[in-house]
Amino acid sequence: MRILALVVAMLGLCSCGQLKEMNANMQDSTENLKKNTATVQHSSEVIQKNTEEVARSTANMQIMGIIALIVLGAAAYIAYSLFKRHRRVLQDIKIIADRLKKD
């Protein structure tokens, strides 16, 4: 009977040691999970900030595109106006030259 009690006590001590080790492993796992959760949350915040930055950049590019179209339109209008004026001046010079030849 004493031997049986001694064996049961030894098994109990071994089990207690294993339980302590399992508890320590569970605590380590819990700490790792907390760290991973914090990392995922930080990554999510970084992704959100990057998404907002991309949206701002896209809006800025659209505004710059509109401004570029306006500037190109104005430049085309100015070039066309100068071409028309130049053509009229050339026609006037030709008329004057023809009149001078007649005289």
PDB file of N, CA and C in Angstrom:
ATOM      1  N   MET A   1       0.817  -1.182   0.000  1.00  0.00           N
ATOM      2  CA  MET A   1       0.000   0.000   0.000  1.00  0.00           C
ATOM      3  C   MET A   1       0.867   1.253   0.000  1.00  0.00           C
ATOM      4  N   ARG A   2       1.926   1.196   0.796  1.00  0.00           N
ATOM      5  CA  ARG A   2       2.820   2.361   0.836  1.00  0.00           C
ATOM      6  C   ARG A   2       3.480   2.570  -0.520  1.00  0.00           C
ATOM      7  N   ILE A   3       3.822   1.483  -1.160  1.00  0.00           N
ATOM      8  CA  ILE A   3       4.466   1.600  -2.475  1.00  0.00           C
ATOM      9  C   ILE A   3       3.485   2.209  -3.465  1.00  0.00           C
ATOM     10  N   LEU A   4       2.255   1.776  -3.389  1.00  0.00           N
ATOM     11  CA  LEU A   4       1.236   2.326  -4.286  1.00  0.00           C
ATOM     12  C   LEU A   4       1.046   3.817  -4.030  1.00  0.00           C
ATOM     13  N   ALA A   5       1.018   4.211  -2.774  1.00  0.00           N
ATOM     14  CA  ALA A   5       0.879   5.624  -2.434  1.00  0.00           C
ATOM     15  C   ALA A   5       2.085   6.410  -2.928  1.00  0.00           C
ATOM     16  N   LEU A   6       3.274   5.810  -2.806  1.00  0.00           N
ATOM     17  CA  LEU A   6       4.493   6.469  -3.282  1.00  0.00           C
ATOM     18  C   LEU A   6       4.465   6.632  -4.799  1.00  0.00           C
ATOM     19  N   VAL A   7       4.015   5.613  -5.513  1.00  0.00           N
ATOM     20  CA  VAL A   7       3.925   5.683  -6.976  1.00  0.00           C
ATOM     21  C   VAL A   7       2.918   6.747  -7.387  1.00  0.00           C
ATOM     22  N   VAL A   8       1.778   6.777  -6.722  1.00  0.00           N
ATOM     23  CA  VAL A   8       0.753   7.787  -7.038  1.00  0.00           C
ATOM     24  C   VAL A   8       1.294   9.181  -6.756  1.00  0.00           C
ATOM     25  N   ALA A   9       2.012   9.347  -5.654  1.00  0.00           N
ATOM     26  CA  ALA A   9       2.591  10.648  -5.318  1.00  0.00           C
ATOM     27  C   ALA A   9       3.615  11.068  -6.358  1.00  0.00           C
ATOM     28  N   MET A  10       4.429  10.124  -6.828  1.00  0.00           N
ATOM     29  CA  MET A  10       5.440  10.450  -7.848  1.00  0.00           C
ATOM     30  C   MET A  10       4.772  10.813  -9.170  1.00  0.00           C
ATOM     31  N   LEU A  11       3.741  10.076  -9.525  1.00  0.00           N
ATOM     32  CA  LEU A  11       2.999  10.413 -10.745  1.00  0.00           C
ATOM     33  C   LEU A  11       2.358  11.794 -10.623  1.00  0.00           C
ATOM     34  N   GLY A  12       1.853  12.088  -9.432  1.00  0.00           N
ATOM     35  CA  GLY A  12       1.265  13.403  -9.192  1.00  0.00           C
ATOM     36  C   GLY A  12       2.295  14.509  -9.341  1.00  0.00           C
ATOM     37  N   LEU A  13       3.496  14.287  -8.813  1.00  0.00           N
ATOM     38  CA  LEU A  13       4.557  15.285  -8.940  1.00  0.00           C
ATOM     39  C   LEU A  13       4.971  15.461 -10.398  1.00  0.00           C
ATOM     40  N   CYS A  14       5.077  14.343 -11.116  1.00  0.00           N
ATOM     41  CA  CYS A  14       5.434  14.436 -12.542  1.00  0.00           C
ATOM     42  C   CYS A  14       4.362  15.191 -13.303  1.00  0.00           C
ATOM     43  N   SER A  15       3.104  14.868 -13.003  1.00  0.00           N
ATOM     44  CA  SER A  15       1.998  15.552 -13.681  1.00  0.00           C
ATOM     45  C   SER A  15       1.995  17.030 -13.340  1.00  0.00           C
ATOM     46  N   CYS A  16       2.291  17.359 -12.092  1.00  0.00           N
ATOM     47  CA  CYS A  16       2.326  18.760 -11.668  1.00  0.00           C
ATOM     48  C   CYS A  16       3.417  19.502 -12.421  1.00  0.00           C
ATOM     49  N   GLY A  17       4.571  18.877 -12.587  1.00  0.00           N
ATOM     50  CA  GLY A  17       5.663  19.495 -13.343  1.00  0.00           C
ATOM     51  C   GLY A  17       5.284  19.702 -14.797  1.00  0.00           C
ATOM     52  N   GLN A  18       4.599  18.714 -15.368  1.00  0.00           N
ATOM     53  CA  GLN A  18       4.158  18.847 -16.757  1.00  0.00           C
ATOM     54  C   GLN A  18       3.114  19.950 -16.894  1.00  0.00           C
ATOM     55  N   LEU A  19       2.229  20.032 -15.903  1.00  0.00           N
ATOM     56  CA  LEU A  19       1.212  21.087 -15.938  1.00  0.00           C
ATOM     57  C   LEU A  19       1.856  22.473 -15.856  1.00  0.00           C
ATOM     58  N   LYS A  20       2.879  22.595 -15.014  1.00  0.00           N
ATOM     59  CA  LYS A  20       3.581  23.876 -14.913  1.00  0.00           C
ATOM     60  C   LYS A  20       4.246  24.229 -16.243  1.00  0.00           C
ATOM     61  N   GLU A  21       4.854  23.226 -16.868  1.00  0.00           N
ATOM     62  CA  GLU A  21       5.507  23.459 -18.158  1.00  0.00           C
ATOM     63  C   GLU A  21       4.477  23.837 -19.225  1.00  0.00           C
ATOM     64  N   MET A  22       3.338  23.134 -19.208  1.00  0.00           N
ATOM     65  CA  MET A  22       2.277  23.455 -20.168  1.00  0.00           C
ATOM     66  C   MET A  22       1.738  24.865 -19.928  1.00  0.00           C
ATOM     67  N   ASN A  23       1.606  25.236 -18.656  1.00  0.00           N
ATOM     68  CA  ASN A  23       1.127  26.573 -18.315  1.00  0.00           C
ATOM     69  C   ASN A  23       2.115  27.628 -18.811  1.00  0.00           C
ATOM     70  N   ALA A  24       3.415  27.374 -18.631  1.00  0.00           N
ATOM     71  CA  ALA A  24       4.437  28.313 -19.103  1.00  0.00           C
ATOM     72  C   ALA A  24       4.386  28.431 -20.626  1.00  0.00           C
ATOM     73  N   ASN A  25       4.204  27.287 -21.305  1.00  0.00           N
ATOM     74  CA  ASN A  25       4.096  27.318 -22.770  1.00  0.00           C
ATOM     75  C   ASN A  25       2.862  28.099 -23.220  1.00  0.00           C
ATOM     76  N   MET A  26       1.764  27.916 -22.501  1.00  0.00           N
ATOM     77  CA  MET A  26       0.537  28.654 -22.840  1.00  0.00           C
ATOM     78  C   MET A  26       0.736  30.160 -22.642  1.00  0.00           C
ATOM     79  N   GLN A  27       1.439  30.532 -21.577  1.00  0.00           N
ATOM     80  CA  GLN A  27       1.703  31.951 -21.345  1.00  0.00           C
ATOM     81  C   GLN A  27       2.590  32.522 -22.447  1.00  0.00           C
ATOM     82  N   ASP A  28       3.605  31.757 -22.870  1.00  0.00           N
ATOM     83  CA  ASP A  28       4.458  32.200 -23.979  1.00  0.00           C
ATOM     84  C   ASP A  28       3.639  32.361 -25.256  1.00  0.00           C
ATOM     85  N   SER A  29       2.766  31.393 -25.494  1.00  0.00           N
ATOM     86  CA  SER A  29       1.918  31.470 -26.691  1.00  0.00           C
ATOM     87  C   SER A  29       1.002  32.685 -26.630  1.00  0.00           C
ATOM     88  N   THR A  30       0.473  32.973 -25.448  1.00  0.00           N
ATOM     89  CA  THR A  30      -0.398  34.140 -25.281  1.00  0.00           C
ATOM     90  C   THR A  30       0.372  35.428 -25.546  1.00  0.00           C
ATOM     91  N   GLU A  31       1.595  35.520 -25.037  1.00  0.00           N
ATOM     92  CA  GLU A  31       2.421  36.708 -25.280  1.00  0.00           C
ATOM     93  C   GLU A  31       2.741  36.859 -26.766  1.00  0.00           C
ATOM     94  N   ASN A  32       3.069  35.750 -27.420  1.00  0.00           N
ATOM     95  CA  ASN A  32       3.345  35.804 -28.859  1.00  0.00           C
ATOM     96  C   ASN A  32       2.108  36.243 -29.634  1.00  0.00           C
ATOM     97  N   LEU A  33       0.959  35.754 -29.211  1.00  0.00           N
ATOM     98  CA  LEU A  33      -0.290  36.144 -29.872  1.00  0.00           C
ATOM     99  C   LEU A  33      -0.555  37.639 -29.701  1.00  0.00           C
ATOM    100  N   LYS A  34      -0.291  38.166 -28.508  1.00  0.00           N
ATOM    101  CA  LYS A  34      -0.467  39.604 -28.272  1.00  0.00           C
ATOM    102  C   LYS A  34       0.474  40.418 -29.166  1.00  0.00           C
ATOM    103  N   LYS A  35       1.738  39.966 -29.273  1.00  0.00           N
ATOM    104  CA  LYS A  35       2.701  40.673 -30.124  1.00  0.00           C
ATOM    105  C   LYS A  35       2.270  40.626 -31.586  1.00  0.00           C
ATOM    106  N   ASN A  36       1.818  39.449 -32.023  1.00  0.00           N
ATOM    107  CA  ASN A  36       1.373  39.318 -33.414  1.00  0.00           C
ATOM    108  C   ASN A  36       0.143  40.174 -33.687  1.00  0.00           C
ATOM    109  N   THR A  37      -0.756  40.247 -32.711  1.00  0.00           N
ATOM    110  CA  THR A  37      -1.944  41.088 -32.864  1.00  0.00           C
ATOM    111  C   THR A  37      -1.548  42.552 -32.990  1.00  0.00           C
ATOM    112  N   ALA A  38      -0.586  42.991 -32.180  1.00  0.00           N
ATOM    113  CA  ALA A  38      -0.113  44.378 -32.262  1.00  0.00           C
ATOM    114  C   ALA A  38       0.543  44.640 -33.613  1.00  0.00           C
ATOM    115  N   THR A  39       1.307  43.666 -34.108  1.00  0.00           N
ATOM    116  CA  THR A  39       1.960  43.821 -35.414  1.00  0.00           C
ATOM    117  C   THR A  39       0.932  43.925 -36.529  1.00  0.00           C
ATOM    118  N   VAL A  40      -0.092  43.074 -36.475  1.00  0.00           N
ATOM    119  CA  VAL A  40      -1.149  43.110 -37.493  1.00  0.00           C
ATOM    120  C   VAL A  40      -1.896  44.440 -37.439  1.00  0.00           C
ATOM    121  N   GLN A  41      -2.165  44.934 -36.244  1.00  0.00           N
ATOM    122  CA  GLN A  41      -2.862  46.213 -36.106  1.00  0.00           C
ATOM    123  C   GLN A  41      -2.016  47.348 -36.680  1.00  0.00           C
ATOM    124  N   HIS A  42      -0.715  47.333 -36.397  1.00  0.00           N
ATOM    125  CA  HIS A  42       0.177  48.363 -36.937  1.00  0.00           C
ATOM    126  C   HIS A  42       0.214  48.284 -38.462  1.00  0.00           C
ATOM    127  N   SER A  43       0.307  47.057 -38.983  1.00  0.00           N
ATOM    128  CA  SER A  43       0.320  46.888 -40.442  1.00  0.00           C
ATOM    129  C   SER A  43      -0.971  47.405 -41.059  1.00  0.00           C
ATOM    130  N   SER A  44      -2.076  47.168 -40.393  1.00  0.00           N
ATOM    131  CA  SER A  44      -3.366  47.650 -40.885  1.00  0.00           C
ATOM    132  C   SER A  44      -3.399  49.176 -40.919  1.00  0.00           C
ATOM    133  N   GLU A  45      -2.844  49.809 -39.892  1.00  0.00           N
ATOM    134  CA  GLU A  45      -2.791  51.275 -39.863  1.00  0.00           C
ATOM    135  C   GLU A  45      -1.908  51.809 -40.988  1.00  0.00           C
ATOM    136  N   VAL A  46      -0.777  51.149 -41.227  1.00  0.00           N
ATOM    137  CA  VAL A  46       0.120  51.574 -42.307  1.00  0.00           C
ATOM    138  C   VAL A  46      -0.576  51.436 -43.656  1.00  0.00           C
ATOM    139  N   ILE A  47      -1.285  50.330 -43.850  1.00  0.00           N
ATOM    140  CA  ILE A  47      -2.017  50.130 -45.110  1.00  0.00           C
ATOM    141  C   ILE A  47      -3.074  51.210 -45.278  1.00  0.00           C
ATOM    142  N   GLN A  48      -3.776  51.559 -44.204  1.00  0.00           N
ATOM    143  CA  GLN A  48      -4.802  52.606 -44.269  1.00  0.00           C
ATOM    144  C   GLN A  48      -4.179  53.947 -44.659  1.00  0.00           C
ATOM    145  N   LYS A  49      -3.038  54.289 -44.045  1.00  0.00           N
ATOM    146  CA  LYS A  49      -2.364  55.545 -44.375  1.00  0.00           C
ATOM    147  C   LYS A  49      -1.909  55.551 -45.832  1.00  0.00           C
ATOM    148  N   ASN A  50      -1.363  54.424 -46.293  1.00  0.00           N
ATOM    149  CA  ASN A  50      -0.917  54.344 -47.686  1.00  0.00           C
ATOM    150  C   ASN A  50      -2.090  54.472 -48.648  1.00  0.00           C
ATOM    151  N   THR A  51      -3.221  53.887 -48.296  1.00  0.00           N
ATOM    152  CA  THR A  51      -4.415  53.995 -49.134  1.00  0.00           C
ATOM    153  C   THR A  51      -4.871  55.445 -49.233  1.00  0.00           C
ATOM    154  N   GLU A  52      -4.855  56.147 -48.116  1.00  0.00           N
ATOM    155  CA  GLU A  52      -5.231  57.564 -48.123  1.00  0.00           C
ATOM    156  C   GLU A  52      -4.255  58.380 -48.967  1.00  0.00           C
ATOM    157  N   GLU A  53      -2.968  58.072 -48.866  1.00  0.00           N
ATOM    158  CA  GLU A  53      -1.958  58.792 -49.651  1.00  0.00           C
ATOM    159  C   GLU A  53      -2.146  58.548 -51.146  1.00  0.00           C
ATOM    160  N   VAL A  54      -2.468  57.309 -51.511  1.00  0.00           N
ATOM    161  CA  VAL A  54      -2.724  56.999 -52.924  1.00  0.00           C
ATOM    162  C   VAL A  54      -3.944  57.776 -53.417  1.00  0.00           C
ATOM    163  N   ALA A  55      -4.977  57.866 -52.589  1.00  0.00           N
ATOM    164  CA  ALA A  55      -6.176  58.615 -52.980  1.00  0.00           C
ATOM    165  C   ALA A  55      -5.841  60.091 -53.187  1.00  0.00           C
ATOM    166  N   ARG A  56      -5.040  60.664 -52.282  1.00  0.00           N
ATOM    167  CA  ARG A  56      -4.643  62.074 -52.440  1.00  0.00           C
ATOM    168  C   ARG A  56      -3.805  62.267 -53.700  1.00  0.00           C
ATOM    169  N   SER A  57      -2.874  61.354 -53.935  1.00  0.00           N
ATOM    170  CA  SER A  57      -2.025  61.465 -55.125  1.00  0.00           C
ATOM    171  C   SER A  57      -2.851  61.365 -56.401  1.00  0.00           C
ATOM    172  N   THR A  58      -3.830  60.472 -56.401  1.00  0.00           N
ATOM    173  CA  THR A  58      -4.692  60.326 -57.574  1.00  0.00           C
ATOM    174  C   THR A  58      -5.474  61.607 -57.824  1.00  0.00           C
ATOM    175  N   ALA A  59      -6.007  62.203 -56.770  1.00  0.00           N
ATOM    176  CA  ALA A  59      -6.750  63.458 -56.920  1.00  0.00           C
ATOM    177  C   ALA A  59      -5.832  64.564 -57.441  1.00  0.00           C
ATOM    178  N   ASN A  60      -4.611  64.633 -56.907  1.00  0.00           N
ATOM    179  CA  ASN A  60      -3.662  65.646 -57.374  1.00  0.00           C
ATOM    180  C   ASN A  60      -3.303  65.440 -58.838  1.00  0.00           C
ATOM    181  N   MET A  61      -3.145  64.183 -59.241  1.00  0.00           N
ATOM    182  CA  MET A  61      -2.820  63.908 -60.642  1.00  0.00           C
ATOM    183  C   MET A  61      -3.974  64.315 -61.551  1.00  0.00           C
ATOM    184  N   GLN A  62      -5.208  64.093 -61.114  1.00  0.00           N
ATOM    185  CA  GLN A  62      -6.358  64.498 -61.916  1.00  0.00           C
ATOM    186  C   GLN A  62      -6.401  66.017 -62.060  1.00  0.00           C
ATOM    187  N   ILE A  63      -6.138  66.724 -60.974  1.00  0.00           N
ATOM    188  CA  ILE A  63      -6.124  68.191 -61.029  1.00  0.00           C
ATOM    189  C   ILE A  63      -5.018  68.669 -61.964  1.00  0.00           C
ATOM    190  N   MET A  64      -3.838  68.056 -61.864  1.00  0.00           N
ATOM    191  CA  MET A  64      -2.731  68.452 -62.744  1.00  0.00           C
ATOM    192  C   MET A  64      -3.068  68.156 -64.201  1.00  0.00           C
ATOM    193  N   GLY A  65      -3.770  67.061 -64.455  1.00  0.00           N
ATOM    194  CA  GLY A  65      -4.186  66.733 -65.818  1.00  0.00           C
ATOM    195  C   GLY A  65      -5.141  67.768 -66.375  1.00  0.00           C
ATOM    196  N   ILE A  66      -6.082  68.210 -65.549  1.00  0.00           N
ATOM    197  CA  ILE A  66      -7.033  69.236 -65.991  1.00  0.00           C
ATOM    198  C   ILE A  66      -6.302  70.539 -66.278  1.00  0.00           C
ATOM    199  N   ILE A  67      -5.376  70.917 -65.398  1.00  0.00           N
ATOM    200  CA  ILE A  67      -4.604  72.147 -65.612  1.00  0.00           C
ATOM    201  C   ILE A  67      -3.784  72.034 -66.894  1.00  0.00           C
ATOM    202  N   ALA A  68      -3.180  70.861 -67.121  1.00  0.00           N
ATOM    203  CA  ALA A  68      -2.385  70.666 -68.341  1.00  0.00           C
ATOM    204  C   ALA A  68      -3.262  70.801 -69.586  1.00  0.00           C
ATOM    205  N   LEU A  69      -4.477  70.260 -69.534  1.00  0.00           N
ATOM    206  CA  LEU A  69      -5.386  70.395 -70.681  1.00  0.00           C
ATOM    207  C   LEU A  69      -5.754  71.854 -70.927  1.00  0.00           C
ATOM    208  N   ILE A  70      -5.993  72.600 -69.863  1.00  0.00           N
ATOM    209  CA  ILE A  70      -6.324  74.024 -70.011  1.00  0.00           C
ATOM    210  C   ILE A  70      -5.146  74.774 -70.628  1.00  0.00           C
ATOM    211  N   VAL A  71      -3.932  74.502 -70.128  1.00  0.00           N
ATOM    212  CA  VAL A  71      -2.741  75.180 -70.657  1.00  0.00           C
ATOM    213  C   VAL A  71      -2.521  74.814 -72.121  1.00  0.00           C
ATOM    214  N   LEU A  72      -2.683  73.532 -72.456  1.00  0.00           N
ATOM    215  CA  LEU A  72      -2.514  73.120 -73.849  1.00  0.00           C
ATOM    216  C   LEU A  72      -3.566  73.763 -74.750  1.00  0.00           C
ATOM    217  N   GLY A  73      -4.792  73.850 -74.252  1.00  0.00           N
ATOM    218  CA  GLY A  73      -5.844  74.505 -75.027  1.00  0.00           C
ATOM    219  C   GLY A  73      -5.524  75.972 -75.272  1.00  0.00           C
ATOM    220  N   ALA A  74      -5.047  76.647 -74.228  1.00  0.00           N
ATOM    221  CA  ALA A  74      -4.681  78.057 -74.373  1.00  0.00           C
ATOM    222  C   ALA A  74      -3.515  78.211 -75.346  1.00  0.00           C
ATOM    223  N   ALA A  75      -2.535  77.334 -75.252  1.00  0.00           N
ATOM    224  CA  ALA A  75      -1.387  77.407 -76.163  1.00  0.00           C
ATOM    225  C   ALA A  75      -1.823  77.156 -77.605  1.00  0.00           C
ATOM    226  N   ALA A  76      -2.727  76.207 -77.800  1.00  0.00           N
ATOM    227  CA  ALA A  76      -3.222  75.935 -79.153  1.00  0.00           C
ATOM    228  C   ALA A  76      -3.989  77.133 -79.697  1.00  0.00           C
ATOM    229  N   TYR A  77      -4.795  77.775 -78.853  1.00  0.00           N
ATOM    230  CA  TYR A  77      -5.547  78.952 -79.290  1.00  0.00           C
ATOM    231  C   TYR A  77      -4.598  80.088 -79.667  1.00  0.00           C
ATOM    232  N   ILE A  78      -3.578  80.305 -78.837  1.00  0.00           N
ATOM    233  CA  ILE A  78      -2.603  81.369 -79.128  1.00  0.00           C
ATOM    234  C   ILE A  78      -1.862  81.064 -80.427  1.00  0.00           C
ATOM    235  N   ALA A  79      -1.454  79.811 -80.605  1.00  0.00           N
ATOM    236  CA  ALA A  79      -0.745  79.446 -81.839  1.00  0.00           C
ATOM    237  C   ALA A  79      -1.640  79.646 -83.055  1.00  0.00           C
ATOM    238  N   TYR A  80      -2.903  79.260 -82.952  1.00  0.00           N
ATOM    239  CA  TYR A  80      -3.835  79.437 -84.066  1.00  0.00           C
ATOM    240  C   TYR A  80      -4.044  80.919 -84.363  1.00  0.00           C
ATOM    241  N   SER A  81      -4.191  81.727 -83.305  1.00  0.00           N
ATOM    242  CA  SER A  81      -4.373  83.171 -83.499  1.00  0.00           C
ATOM    243  C   SER A  81      -3.157  83.786 -84.181  1.00  0.00           C
ATOM    244  N   LEU A  82      -1.962  83.396 -83.732  1.00  0.00           N
ATOM    245  CA  LEU A  82      -0.747  83.925 -84.356  1.00  0.00           C
ATOM    246  C   LEU A  82      -0.638  83.480 -85.810  1.00  0.00           C
ATOM    247  N   PHE A  83      -1.015  82.237 -86.094  1.00  0.00           N
ATOM    248  CA  PHE A  83      -0.969  81.743 -87.463  1.00  0.00           C
ATOM    249  C   PHE A  83      -1.932  82.530 -88.346  1.00  0.00           C
ATOM    250  N   LYS A  84      -3.149  82.782 -87.839  1.00  0.00           N
ATOM    251  CA  LYS A  84      -4.120  83.558 -88.621  1.00  0.00           C
ATOM    252  C   LYS A  84      -3.593  84.968 -88.877  1.00  0.00           C
ATOM    253  N   ARG A  85      -3.038  85.578 -87.839  1.00  0.00           N
ATOM    254  CA  ARG A  85      -2.514  86.938 -87.980  1.00  0.00           C
ATOM    255  C   ARG A  85      -1.345  86.943 -88.961  1.00  0.00           C
ATOM    256  N   HIS A  86      -0.463  85.978 -88.849  1.00  0.00           N
ATOM    257  CA  HIS A  86       0.692  85.875 -89.740  1.00  0.00           C
ATOM    258  C   HIS A  86       0.220  85.694 -91.187  1.00  0.00           C
ATOM    259  N   ARG A  87      -0.789  84.869 -91.377  1.00  0.00           N
ATOM    260  CA  ARG A  87      -1.307  84.641 -92.727  1.00  0.00           C
ATOM    261  C   ARG A  87      -1.896  85.934 -93.299  1.00  0.00           C
ATOM    262  N   ARG A  88      -2.616  86.678 -92.456  1.00  0.00           N
ATOM    263  CA  ARG A  88      -3.172  87.959 -92.923  1.00  0.00           C
ATOM    264  C   ARG A  88      -2.067  88.948 -93.267  1.00  0.00           C
ATOM    265  N   VAL A  89      -1.023  88.984 -92.442  1.00  0.00           N
ATOM    266  CA  VAL A  89       0.097  89.889 -92.713  1.00  0.00           C
ATOM    267  C   VAL A  89       0.763  89.511 -94.032  1.00  0.00           C
ATOM    268  N   LEU A  90       0.959  88.207 -94.258  1.00  0.00           N
ATOM    269  CA  LEU A  90       1.550  87.773 -95.529  1.00  0.00           C
ATOM    270  C   LEU A  90       0.662  88.150 -96.716  1.00  0.00           C
ATOM    271  N   GLN A  91      -0.650  88.018 -96.548  1.00  0.00           N
ATOM    272  CA  GLN A  91      -1.564  88.403 -97.627  1.00  0.00           C
ATOM    273  C   GLN A  91      -1.480  89.909 -97.884  1.00  0.00           C
ATOM    274  N   ASP A  92      -1.410  90.694 -96.803  1.00  0.00           N
ATOM    275  CA  ASP A  92      -1.286  92.148 -96.961  1.00  0.00           C
ATOM    276  C   ASP A  92       0.017  92.507 -97.664  1.00  0.00           C
ATOM    277  N   ILE A  93       1.113  91.848 -97.296  1.00  0.00           N
ATOM    278  CA  ILE A  93       2.401  92.118 -97.949  1.00  0.00           C
ATOM    279  C   ILE A  93       2.317  91.764 -99.424  1.00  0.00           C
ATOM    280  N   LYS A  94       1.667  90.662 -99.741  1.00  0.00           N
ATOM    281  CA  LYS A  94       1.523  90.254-101.139  1.00  0.00           C
ATOM    282  C   LYS A  94       0.701  91.282-101.916  1.00  0.00           C
ATOM    283  N   ILE A  95      -0.371  91.770-101.301  1.00  0.00           N
ATOM    284  CA  ILE A  95      -1.194  92.795-101.968  1.00  0.00           C
ATOM    285  C   ILE A  95      -0.374  94.054-102.210  1.00  0.00           C
ATOM    286  N   ILE A  96       0.386  94.482-101.200  1.00  0.00           N
ATOM    287  CA  ILE A  96       1.220  95.685-101.347  1.00  0.00           C
ATOM    288  C   ILE A  96       2.272  95.464-102.424  1.00  0.00           C
ATOM    289  N   ALA A  97       2.889  94.284-102.452  1.00  0.00           N
ATOM    290  CA  ALA A  97       3.909  93.985-103.465  1.00  0.00           C
ATOM    291  C   ALA A  97       3.296  94.000-104.861  1.00  0.00           C
ATOM    292  N   ASP A  98       2.098  93.444-105.007  1.00  0.00           N
ATOM    293  CA  ASP A  98       1.426  93.453-106.311  1.00  0.00           C
ATOM    294  C   ASP A  98       1.128  94.884-106.752  1.00  0.00           C
ATOM    295  N   ARG A  99       0.711  95.737-105.825  1.00  0.00           N
ATOM    296  CA  ARG A  99       0.412  97.130-106.161  1.00  0.00           C
ATOM    297  C   ARG A  99       1.683  97.877-106.562  1.00  0.00           C
ATOM    298  N   LEU A 100       2.779  97.571-105.855  1.00  0.00           N
ATOM    299  CA  LEU A 100       4.032  98.240-106.192  1.00  0.00           C
ATOM    300  C   LEU A 100       4.529  97.812-107.569  1.00  0.00           C
ATOM    301  N   LYS A 101       4.289  96.563-107.923  1.00  0.00           N
ATOM    302  CA  LYS A 101       4.698  96.091-109.244  1.00  0.00           C
ATOM    303  C   LYS A 101       3.910  96.789-110.341  1.00  0.00           C
ATOM    304  N   LYS A 102       2.636  97.060-110.080  1.00  0.00           N
ATOM    305  CA  LYS A 102       1.800  97.717-111.082  1.00  0.00           C
ATOM    306  C   LYS A 102       2.256  99.157-111.310  1.00  0.00           C
ATOM    307  N   ASP A 103       2.755  99.770-110.279  1.00  0.00           N
ATOM    308  CA  ASP A 103       3.149 101.178-110.404  1.00  0.00           C
ATOM    309  C   ASP A 103       4.440 101.267-111.071  1.00  0.00           C
TER     310      ASP A 103
END
